[in-house]
Amino acid sequence: MAIAGTLAYSSHDPRKGFPANEDGLHVLVVEDDAADAYLIKCALAAIPRVGSITRVIDGLQAIKAIEEEGVAPDLALIDLQMPRMDGFDLTRNLRAAQRH
């Protein structure tokens, strides 16, 4: 017997109810799947050391966020299989940018 189901996720702020930590780590989540991103954000929201979370949907948006929008993550959680620019190419690009 096969059971089919879907993962329901919400657009509410997973940090609601947790105290703000303005000196905490800034985490960049690079994930194209909304449900996966929501679960990651919920898990991160429960960690007091995390100060803020920024989510983008692919490598190109990650580069834009870092280079043009001033996002300076302490930690990045990167999906490896994404459209436009995958996690492997993003990692290579970020490493090359650090060398310059």
PDB file of N, CA and C in Angstrom:
ATOM      1  N   MET A   1       0.843  -1.177   0.000  1.00  0.00           N
ATOM      2  CA  MET A   1       0.000   0.000   0.000  1.00  0.00           C
ATOM      3  C   MET A   1       0.888   1.239   0.000  1.00  0.00           C
ATOM      4  N   ALA A   2       0.725   2.062  -0.977  1.00  0.00           N
ATOM      5  CA  ALA A   2       1.499   3.288  -1.068  1.00  0.00           C
ATOM      6  C   ALA A   2       0.751   4.429  -0.403  1.00  0.00           C
ATOM      7  N   ILE A   3       1.498   5.220   0.293  1.00  0.00           N
ATOM      8  CA  ILE A   3       0.901   6.388   0.945  1.00  0.00           C
ATOM      9  C   ILE A   3       1.561   7.621   0.354  1.00  0.00           C
ATOM     10  N   ALA A   4       0.757   8.490  -0.179  1.00  0.00           N
ATOM     11  CA  ALA A   4       1.281   9.728  -0.756  1.00  0.00           C
ATOM     12  C   ALA A   4       0.954  10.879   0.184  1.00  0.00           C
ATOM     13  N   GLY A   5       1.831  11.814   0.256  1.00  0.00           N
ATOM     14  CA  GLY A   5       1.580  12.968   1.113  1.00  0.00           C
ATOM     15  C   GLY A   5       2.452  14.129   0.685  1.00  0.00           C
ATOM     16  N   THR A   6       2.184  15.247   1.266  1.00  0.00           N
ATOM     17  CA  THR A   6       2.979  16.429   0.975  1.00  0.00           C
ATOM     18  C   THR A   6       3.435  17.042   2.286  1.00  0.00           C
ATOM     19  N   LEU A   7       4.530  17.713   2.215  1.00  0.00           N
ATOM     20  CA  LEU A   7       5.042  18.424   3.368  1.00  0.00           C
ATOM     21  C   LEU A   7       4.453  19.827   3.357  1.00  0.00           C
ATOM     22  N   ALA A   8       3.674  20.112   4.356  1.00  0.00           N
ATOM     23  CA  ALA A   8       3.099  21.451   4.449  1.00  0.00           C
ATOM     24  C   ALA A   8       4.114  22.360   5.129  1.00  0.00           C
ATOM     25  N   TYR A   9       4.281  23.532   4.626  1.00  0.00           N
ATOM     26  CA  TYR A   9       5.155  24.498   5.262  1.00  0.00           C
ATOM     27  C   TYR A   9       4.464  25.840   5.263  1.00  0.00           C
ATOM     28  N   SER A  10       4.930  26.682   6.128  1.00  0.00           N
ATOM     29  CA  SER A  10       4.278  27.967   6.329  1.00  0.00           C
ATOM     30  C   SER A  10       5.226  29.087   5.957  1.00  0.00           C
ATOM     31  N   SER A  11       4.687  30.231   5.688  1.00  0.00           N
ATOM     32  CA  SER A  11       5.516  31.387   5.394  1.00  0.00           C
ATOM     33  C   SER A  11       5.764  32.223   6.649  1.00  0.00           C
ATOM     34  N   HIS A  12       5.284  31.767   7.803  1.00  0.00           N
ATOM     35  CA  HIS A  12       5.504  32.548   9.025  1.00  0.00           C
ATOM     36  C   HIS A  12       6.981  32.555   9.397  1.00  0.00           C
ATOM     37  N   ASP A  13       7.382  33.525  10.181  1.00  0.00           N
ATOM     38  CA  ASP A  13       8.766  33.694  10.594  1.00  0.00           C
ATOM     39  C   ASP A  13       9.122  32.651  11.643  1.00  0.00           C
ATOM     40  N   PRO A  14      10.040  31.732  11.345  1.00  0.00           N
ATOM     41  CA  PRO A  14      10.383  30.702  12.313  1.00  0.00           C
ATOM     42  C   PRO A  14      11.123  31.242  13.532  1.00  0.00           C
ATOM     43  N   ARG A  15      11.598  32.489  13.471  1.00  0.00           N
ATOM     44  CA  ARG A  15      12.295  33.079  14.620  1.00  0.00           C
ATOM     45  C   ARG A  15      11.335  33.724  15.607  1.00  0.00           C
ATOM     46  N   LYS A  16      10.066  33.794  15.259  1.00  0.00           N
ATOM     47  CA  LYS A  16       9.084  34.415  16.145  1.00  0.00           C
ATOM     48  C   LYS A  16       9.058  33.671  17.477  1.00  0.00           C
ATOM     49  N   GLY A  17       9.167  34.415  18.547  1.00  0.00           N
ATOM     50  CA  GLY A  17       9.162  33.821  19.871  1.00  0.00           C
ATOM     51  C   GLY A  17      10.550  33.558  20.423  1.00  0.00           C
ATOM     52  N   PHE A  18      11.582  33.686  19.575  1.00  0.00           N
ATOM     53  CA  PHE A  18      12.951  33.503  20.044  1.00  0.00           C
ATOM     54  C   PHE A  18      13.578  34.879  20.250  1.00  0.00           C
ATOM     55  N   PRO A  19      14.388  35.048  21.283  1.00  0.00           N
ATOM     56  CA  PRO A  19      15.010  36.356  21.512  1.00  0.00           C
ATOM     57  C   PRO A  19      15.994  36.706  20.398  1.00  0.00           C
ATOM     58  N   ALA A  20      16.061  37.984  20.074  1.00  0.00           N
ATOM     59  CA  ALA A  20      16.977  38.452  19.029  1.00  0.00           C
ATOM     60  C   ALA A  20      18.415  38.354  19.533  1.00  0.00           C
ATOM     61  N   ASN A  21      19.309  38.002  18.648  1.00  0.00           N
ATOM     62  CA  ASN A  21      20.728  37.939  18.959  1.00  0.00           C
ATOM     63  C   ASN A  21      21.455  38.717  17.879  1.00  0.00           C
ATOM     64  N   GLU A  22      21.549  40.003  18.073  1.00  0.00           N
ATOM     65  CA  GLU A  22      22.112  40.866  17.043  1.00  0.00           C
ATOM     66  C   GLU A  22      23.609  40.661  16.851  1.00  0.00           C
ATOM     67  N   ASP A  23      24.280  40.065  17.832  1.00  0.00           N
ATOM     68  CA  ASP A  23      25.705  39.774  17.711  1.00  0.00           C
ATOM     69  C   ASP A  23      25.954  38.348  17.229  1.00  0.00           C
ATOM     70  N   GLY A  24      24.905  37.619  16.941  1.00  0.00           N
ATOM     71  CA  GLY A  24      25.029  36.212  16.555  1.00  0.00           C
ATOM     72  C   GLY A  24      25.512  36.027  15.133  1.00  0.00           C
ATOM     73  N   LEU A  25      25.650  34.773  14.791  1.00  0.00           N
ATOM     74  CA  LEU A  25      26.102  34.400  13.458  1.00  0.00           C
ATOM     75  C   LEU A  25      25.070  34.758  12.395  1.00  0.00           C
ATOM     76  N   HIS A  26      25.567  35.219  11.263  1.00  0.00           N
ATOM     77  CA  HIS A  26      24.685  35.442  10.122  1.00  0.00           C
ATOM     78  C   HIS A  26      24.826  34.232   9.206  1.00  0.00           C
ATOM     79  N   VAL A  27      23.713  33.548   8.934  1.00  0.00           N
ATOM     80  CA  VAL A  27      23.719  32.332   8.124  1.00  0.00           C
ATOM     81  C   VAL A  27      23.055  32.609   6.779  1.00  0.00           C
ATOM     82  N   LEU A  28      23.722  32.215   5.718  1.00  0.00           N
ATOM     83  CA  LEU A  28      23.173  32.300   4.368  1.00  0.00           C
ATOM     84  C   LEU A  28      22.712  30.903   3.968  1.00  0.00           C
ATOM     85  N   VAL A  29      21.425  30.775   3.650  1.00  0.00           N
ATOM     86  CA  VAL A  29      20.860  29.512   3.196  1.00  0.00           C
ATOM     87  C   VAL A  29      20.622  29.629   1.695  1.00  0.00           C
ATOM     88  N   VAL A  30      21.299  28.783   0.918  1.00  0.00           N
ATOM     89  CA  VAL A  30      21.163  28.785  -0.535  1.00  0.00           C
ATOM     90  C   VAL A  30      20.422  27.497  -0.891  1.00  0.00           C
ATOM     91  N   GLU A  31      19.124  27.621  -1.090  1.00  0.00           N
ATOM     92  CA  GLU A  31      18.257  26.452  -1.265  1.00  0.00           C
ATOM     93  C   GLU A  31      17.096  26.815  -2.169  1.00  0.00           C
ATOM     94  N   ASP A  32      16.898  26.045  -3.249  1.00  0.00           N
ATOM     95  CA  ASP A  32      15.828  26.352  -4.191  1.00  0.00           C
ATOM     96  C   ASP A  32      14.489  25.752  -3.797  1.00  0.00           C
ATOM     97  N   ASP A  33      14.466  24.750  -2.956  1.00  0.00           N
ATOM     98  CA  ASP A  33      13.216  24.118  -2.544  1.00  0.00           C
ATOM     99  C   ASP A  33      12.653  24.830  -1.310  1.00  0.00           C
ATOM    100  N   ALA A  34      11.463  25.397  -1.448  1.00  0.00           N
ATOM    101  CA  ALA A  34      10.878  26.197  -0.367  1.00  0.00           C
ATOM    102  C   ALA A  34      10.648  25.387   0.905  1.00  0.00           C
ATOM    103  N   ALA A  35      10.201  24.155   0.778  1.00  0.00           N
ATOM    104  CA  ALA A  35       9.951  23.328   1.966  1.00  0.00           C
ATOM    105  C   ALA A  35      11.256  23.008   2.688  1.00  0.00           C
ATOM    106  N   ASP A  36      12.292  22.657   1.941  1.00  0.00           N
ATOM    107  CA  ASP A  36      13.589  22.383   2.556  1.00  0.00           C
ATOM    108  C   ASP A  36      14.141  23.633   3.238  1.00  0.00           C
ATOM    109  N   ALA A  37      14.029  24.773   2.567  1.00  0.00           N
ATOM    110  CA  ALA A  37      14.514  26.026   3.141  1.00  0.00           C
ATOM    111  C   ALA A  37      13.777  26.351   4.431  1.00  0.00           C
ATOM    112  N   TYR A  38      12.474  26.115   4.450  1.00  0.00           N
ATOM    113  CA  TYR A  38      11.691  26.381   5.651  1.00  0.00           C
ATOM    114  C   TYR A  38      12.149  25.491   6.807  1.00  0.00           C
ATOM    115  N   LEU A  39      12.372  24.223   6.548  1.00  0.00           N
ATOM    116  CA  LEU A  39      12.831  23.309   7.605  1.00  0.00           C
ATOM    117  C   LEU A  39      14.209  23.720   8.127  1.00  0.00           C
ATOM    118  N   ILE A  40      15.090  24.116   7.232  1.00  0.00           N
ATOM    119  CA  ILE A  40      16.423  24.572   7.635  1.00  0.00           C
ATOM    120  C   ILE A  40      16.307  25.817   8.502  1.00  0.00           C
ATOM    121  N   LYS A  41      15.466  26.771   8.058  1.00  0.00           N
ATOM    122  CA  LYS A  41      15.293  27.999   8.830  1.00  0.00           C
ATOM    123  C   LYS A  41      14.690  27.723  10.201  1.00  0.00           C
ATOM    124  N   CYS A  42      13.767  26.782  10.290  1.00  0.00           N
ATOM    125  CA  CYS A  42      13.178  26.426  11.594  1.00  0.00           C
ATOM    126  C   CYS A  42      14.240  25.847  12.518  1.00  0.00           C
ATOM    127  N   ALA A  43      15.090  24.976  11.977  1.00  0.00           N
ATOM    128  CA  ALA A  43      16.149  24.391  12.790  1.00  0.00           C
ATOM    129  C   ALA A  43      17.145  25.457  13.251  1.00  0.00           C
ATOM    130  N   LEU A  44      17.512  26.359  12.354  1.00  0.00           N
ATOM    131  CA  LEU A  44      18.449  27.425  12.711  1.00  0.00           C
ATOM    132  C   LEU A  44      17.852  28.405  13.715  1.00  0.00           C
ATOM    133  N   ALA A  45      16.561  28.649  13.595  1.00  0.00           N
ATOM    134  CA  ALA A  45      15.891  29.604  14.482  1.00  0.00           C
ATOM    135  C   ALA A  45      15.956  29.165  15.938  1.00  0.00           C
ATOM    136  N   ALA A  46      16.057  27.881  16.165  1.00  0.00           N
ATOM    137  CA  ALA A  46      16.088  27.363  17.530  1.00  0.00           C
ATOM    138  C   ALA A  46      17.488  27.410  18.146  1.00  0.00           C
ATOM    139  N   ILE A  47      18.474  27.826  17.389  1.00  0.00           N
ATOM    140  CA  ILE A  47      19.846  27.894  17.890  1.00  0.00           C
ATOM    141  C   ILE A  47      20.121  29.319  18.361  1.00  0.00           C
ATOM    142  N   PRO A  48      20.327  29.521  19.655  1.00  0.00           N
ATOM    143  CA  PRO A  48      20.514  30.883  20.178  1.00  0.00           C
ATOM    144  C   PRO A  48      21.709  31.623  19.581  1.00  0.00           C
ATOM    145  N   ARG A  49      22.725  30.917  19.138  1.00  0.00           N
ATOM    146  CA  ARG A  49      23.930  31.545  18.588  1.00  0.00           C
ATOM    147  C   ARG A  49      23.692  32.164  17.205  1.00  0.00           C
ATOM    148  N   VAL A  50      22.603  31.780  16.536  1.00  0.00           N
ATOM    149  CA  VAL A  50      22.286  32.317  15.210  1.00  0.00           C
ATOM    150  C   VAL A  50      21.586  33.663  15.376  1.00  0.00           C
ATOM    151  N   GLY A  51      22.150  34.683  14.748  1.00  0.00           N
ATOM    152  CA  GLY A  51      21.584  36.018  14.841  1.00  0.00           C
ATOM    153  C   GLY A  51      20.627  36.353  13.727  1.00  0.00           C
ATOM    154  N   SER A  52      20.959  35.930  12.507  1.00  0.00           N
ATOM    155  CA  SER A  52      20.093  36.227  11.370  1.00  0.00           C
ATOM    156  C   SER A  52      20.268  35.167  10.296  1.00  0.00           C
ATOM    157  N   ILE A  53      19.233  35.059   9.472  1.00  0.00           N
ATOM    158  CA  ILE A  53      19.214  34.067   8.402  1.00  0.00           C
ATOM    159  C   ILE A  53      18.768  34.755   7.117  1.00  0.00           C
ATOM    160  N   THR A  54      19.553  34.590   6.063  1.00  0.00           N
ATOM    161  CA  THR A  54      19.181  35.100   4.743  1.00  0.00           C
ATOM    162  C   THR A  54      19.056  33.902   3.824  1.00  0.00           C
ATOM    163  N   ARG A  55      17.961  33.856   3.057  1.00  0.00           N
ATOM    164  CA  ARG A  55      17.768  32.752   2.111  1.00  0.00           C
ATOM    165  C   ARG A  55      17.730  33.283   0.688  1.00  0.00           C
ATOM    166  N   VAL A  56      18.455  32.611  -0.186  1.00  0.00           N
ATOM    167  CA  VAL A  56      18.393  32.868  -1.623  1.00  0.00           C
ATOM    168  C   VAL A  56      18.140  31.528  -2.309  1.00  0.00           C
ATOM    169  N   ILE A  57      17.715  31.565  -3.573  1.00  0.00           N
ATOM    170  CA  ILE A  57      17.278  30.319  -4.209  1.00  0.00           C
ATOM    171  C   ILE A  57      18.303  29.667  -5.127  1.00  0.00           C
ATOM    172  N   ASP A  58      19.420  30.343  -5.428  1.00  0.00           N
ATOM    173  CA  ASP A  58      20.438  29.697  -6.253  1.00  0.00           C
ATOM    174  C   ASP A  58      21.760  30.430  -6.113  1.00  0.00           C
ATOM    175  N   GLY A  59      22.771  29.878  -6.779  1.00  0.00           N
ATOM    176  CA  GLY A  59      24.105  30.444  -6.677  1.00  0.00           C
ATOM    177  C   GLY A  59      24.224  31.858  -7.197  1.00  0.00           C
ATOM    178  N   LEU A  60      23.518  32.175  -8.269  1.00  0.00           N
ATOM    179  CA  LEU A  60      23.579  33.541  -8.809  1.00  0.00           C
ATOM    180  C   LEU A  60      23.027  34.551  -7.816  1.00  0.00           C
ATOM    181  N   GLN A  61      21.926  34.200  -7.152  1.00  0.00           N
ATOM    182  CA  GLN A  61      21.378  35.105  -6.137  1.00  0.00           C
ATOM    183  C   GLN A  61      22.319  35.217  -4.941  1.00  0.00           C
ATOM    184  N   ALA A  62      23.010  34.139  -4.602  1.00  0.00           N
ATOM    185  CA  ALA A  62      23.961  34.179  -3.493  1.00  0.00           C
ATOM    186  C   ALA A  62      25.097  35.150  -3.800  1.00  0.00           C
ATOM    187  N   ILE A  63      25.636  35.061  -5.007  1.00  0.00           N
ATOM    188  CA  ILE A  63      26.720  35.980  -5.398  1.00  0.00           C
ATOM    189  C   ILE A  63      26.234  37.415  -5.385  1.00  0.00           C
ATOM    190  N   LYS A  64      25.044  37.651  -5.913  1.00  0.00           N
ATOM    191  CA  LYS A  64      24.487  39.003  -5.911  1.00  0.00           C
ATOM    192  C   LYS A  64      24.304  39.513  -4.481  1.00  0.00           C
ATOM    193  N   ALA A  65      23.788  38.667  -3.607  1.00  0.00           N
ATOM    194  CA  ALA A  65      23.573  39.077  -2.212  1.00  0.00           C
ATOM    195  C   ALA A  65      24.893  39.452  -1.542  1.00  0.00           C
ATOM    196  N   ILE A  66      25.935  38.674  -1.816  1.00  0.00           N
ATOM    197  CA  ILE A  66      27.237  38.924  -1.194  1.00  0.00           C
ATOM    198  C   ILE A  66      27.928  40.134  -1.818  1.00  0.00           C
ATOM    199  N   GLU A  67      27.973  40.196  -3.134  1.00  0.00           N
ATOM    200  CA  GLU A  67      28.729  41.246  -3.823  1.00  0.00           C
ATOM    201  C   GLU A  67      27.996  42.576  -3.919  1.00  0.00           C
ATOM    202  N   GLU A  68      26.678  42.552  -4.102  1.00  0.00           N
ATOM    203  CA  GLU A  68      25.944  43.795  -4.352  1.00  0.00           C
ATOM    204  C   GLU A  68      25.092  44.258  -3.173  1.00  0.00           C
ATOM    205  N   GLU A  69      24.621  43.318  -2.365  1.00  0.00           N
ATOM    206  CA  GLU A  69      23.702  43.687  -1.292  1.00  0.00           C
ATOM    207  C   GLU A  69      24.357  43.703   0.089  1.00  0.00           C
ATOM    208  N   GLY A  70      25.647  43.400   0.129  1.00  0.00           N
ATOM    209  CA  GLY A  70      26.380  43.491   1.389  1.00  0.00           C
ATOM    210  C   GLY A  70      26.132  42.371   2.382  1.00  0.00           C
ATOM    211  N   VAL A  71      25.571  41.264   1.944  1.00  0.00           N
ATOM    212  CA  VAL A  71      25.386  40.122   2.841  1.00  0.00           C
ATOM    213  C   VAL A  71      26.764  39.550   3.139  1.00  0.00           C
ATOM    214  N   ALA A  72      27.084  39.414   4.420  1.00  0.00           N
ATOM    215  CA  ALA A  72      28.392  38.898   4.839  1.00  0.00           C
ATOM    216  C   ALA A  72      28.172  37.727   5.790  1.00  0.00           C
ATOM    217  N   PRO A  73      27.944  36.531   5.236  1.00  0.00           N
ATOM    218  CA  PRO A  73      27.624  35.397   6.094  1.00  0.00           C
ATOM    219  C   PRO A  73      28.834  34.871   6.866  1.00  0.00           C
ATOM    220  N   ASP A  74      28.558  34.418   8.084  1.00  0.00           N
ATOM    221  CA  ASP A  74      29.560  33.705   8.860  1.00  0.00           C
ATOM    222  C   ASP A  74      29.551  32.226   8.479  1.00  0.00           C
ATOM    223  N   LEU A  75      28.399  31.773   8.001  1.00  0.00           N
ATOM    224  CA  LEU A  75      28.194  30.381   7.636  1.00  0.00           C
ATOM    225  C   LEU A  75      27.241  30.336   6.454  1.00  0.00           C
ATOM    226  N   ALA A  76      27.505  29.445   5.506  1.00  0.00           N
ATOM    227  CA  ALA A  76      26.594  29.266   4.372  1.00  0.00           C
ATOM    228  C   ALA A  76      26.222  27.795   4.269  1.00  0.00           C
ATOM    229  N   LEU A  77      24.932  27.534   4.187  1.00  0.00           N
ATOM    230  CA  LEU A  77      24.420  26.194   3.923  1.00  0.00           C
ATOM    231  C   LEU A  77      23.978  26.201   2.467  1.00  0.00           C
ATOM    232  N   ILE A  78      24.647  25.394   1.626  1.00  0.00           N
ATOM    233  CA  ILE A  78      24.471  25.480   0.181  1.00  0.00           C
ATOM    234  C   ILE A  78      23.962  24.154  -0.382  1.00  0.00           C
ATOM    235  N   ASP A  79      22.826  24.227  -1.049  1.00  0.00           N
ATOM    236  CA  ASP A  79      22.301  23.079  -1.785  1.00  0.00           C
ATOM    237  C   ASP A  79      23.240  22.832  -2.967  1.00  0.00           C
ATOM    238  N   LEU A  80      23.503  21.578  -3.266  1.00  0.00           N
ATOM    239  CA  LEU A  80      24.411  21.276  -4.368  1.00  0.00           C
ATOM    240  C   LEU A  80      23.724  21.249  -5.720  1.00  0.00           C
ATOM    241  N   GLN A  81      22.440  20.888  -5.768  1.00  0.00           N
ATOM    242  CA  GLN A  81      21.725  20.784  -7.039  1.00  0.00           C
ATOM    243  C   GLN A  81      20.657  21.867  -7.121  1.00  0.00           C
ATOM    244  N   MET A  82      20.983  22.918  -7.867  1.00  0.00           N
ATOM    245  CA  MET A  82      20.074  24.051  -8.047  1.00  0.00           C
ATOM    246  C   MET A  82      20.099  24.471  -9.503  1.00  0.00           C
ATOM    247  N   PRO A  83      19.049  25.168  -9.945  1.00  0.00           N
ATOM    248  CA  PRO A  83      19.052  25.686 -11.316  1.00  0.00           C
ATOM    249  C   PRO A  83      20.019  26.871 -11.447  1.00  0.00           C
ATOM    250  N   ARG A  84      20.313  27.221 -12.643  1.00  0.00           N
ATOM    251  CA  ARG A  84      21.171  28.354 -13.018  1.00  0.00           C
ATOM    252  C   ARG A  84      22.614  28.179 -12.548  1.00  0.00           C
ATOM    253  N   MET A  85      22.889  28.198 -11.261  1.00  0.00           N
ATOM    254  CA  MET A  85      24.241  27.952 -10.751  1.00  0.00           C
ATOM    255  C   MET A  85      24.127  27.023  -9.555  1.00  0.00           C
ATOM    256  N   ASP A  86      24.725  25.841  -9.673  1.00  0.00           N
ATOM    257  CA  ASP A  86      24.614  24.873  -8.584  1.00  0.00           C
ATOM    258  C   ASP A  86      25.613  25.177  -7.462  1.00  0.00           C
ATOM    259  N   GLY A  87      25.541  24.393  -6.414  1.00  0.00           N
ATOM    260  CA  GLY A  87      26.378  24.620  -5.240  1.00  0.00           C
ATOM    261  C   GLY A  87      27.860  24.428  -5.501  1.00  0.00           C
ATOM    262  N   PHE A  88      28.204  23.506  -6.399  1.00  0.00           N
ATOM    263  CA  PHE A  88      29.608  23.291  -6.733  1.00  0.00           C
ATOM    264  C   PHE A  88      30.200  24.526  -7.407  1.00  0.00           C
ATOM    265  N   ASP A  89      29.481  25.055  -8.405  1.00  0.00           N
ATOM    266  CA  ASP A  89      29.954  26.253  -9.101  1.00  0.00           C
ATOM    267  C   ASP A  89      29.985  27.462  -8.164  1.00  0.00           C
ATOM    268  N   LEU A  90      29.010  27.575  -7.290  1.00  0.00           N
ATOM    269  CA  LEU A  90      28.994  28.680  -6.327  1.00  0.00           C
ATOM    270  C   LEU A  90      30.219  28.613  -5.426  1.00  0.00           C
ATOM    271  N   THR A  91      30.522  27.439  -4.916  1.00  0.00           N
ATOM    272  CA  THR A  91      31.676  27.285  -4.029  1.00  0.00           C
ATOM    273  C   THR A  91      32.971  27.644  -4.752  1.00  0.00           C
ATOM    274  N   ARG A  92      33.121  27.172  -5.996  1.00  0.00           N
ATOM    275  CA  ARG A  92      34.317  27.519  -6.777  1.00  0.00           C
ATOM    276  C   ARG A  92      34.404  29.036  -6.997  1.00  0.00           C
ATOM    277  N   ASN A  93      33.272  29.658  -7.315  1.00  0.00           N
ATOM    278  CA  ASN A  93      33.233  31.093  -7.563  1.00  0.00           C
ATOM    279  C   ASN A  93      33.617  31.870  -6.308  1.00  0.00           C
ATOM    280  N   LEU A  94      33.073  31.477  -5.164  1.00  0.00           N
ATOM    281  CA  LEU A  94      33.380  32.181  -3.911  1.00  0.00           C
ATOM    282  C   LEU A  94      34.846  31.998  -3.526  1.00  0.00           C
ATOM    283  N   ARG A  95      35.378  30.812  -3.746  1.00  0.00           N
ATOM    284  CA  ARG A  95      36.791  30.550  -3.438  1.00  0.00           C
ATOM    285  C   ARG A  95      37.679  31.409  -4.333  1.00  0.00           C
ATOM    286  N   ALA A  96      37.351  31.495  -5.613  1.00  0.00           N
ATOM    287  CA  ALA A  96      38.153  32.310  -6.533  1.00  0.00           C
ATOM    288  C   ALA A  96      38.081  33.788  -6.155  1.00  0.00           C
ATOM    289  N   ALA A  97      36.928  34.244  -5.721  1.00  0.00           N
ATOM    290  CA  ALA A  97      36.771  35.652  -5.323  1.00  0.00           C
ATOM    291  C   ALA A  97      37.614  35.969  -4.086  1.00  0.00           C
ATOM    292  N   GLN A  98      37.781  35.010  -3.190  1.00  0.00           N
ATOM    293  CA  GLN A  98      38.593  35.228  -1.982  1.00  0.00           C
ATOM    294  C   GLN A  98      40.066  35.406  -2.315  1.00  0.00           C
ATOM    295  N   ARG A  99      40.500  34.798  -3.395  1.00  0.00           N
ATOM    296  CA  ARG A  99      41.918  34.872  -3.780  1.00  0.00           C
ATOM    297  C   ARG A  99      42.299  36.247  -4.320  1.00  0.00           C
ATOM    298  N   HIS A 100      41.306  37.014  -4.766  1.00  0.00           N
ATOM    299  CA  HIS A 100      41.602  38.324  -5.392  1.00  0.00           C
ATOM    300  C   HIS A 100      41.566  39.420  -4.390  1.00  0.00           C
TER     301      HIS A 100
END
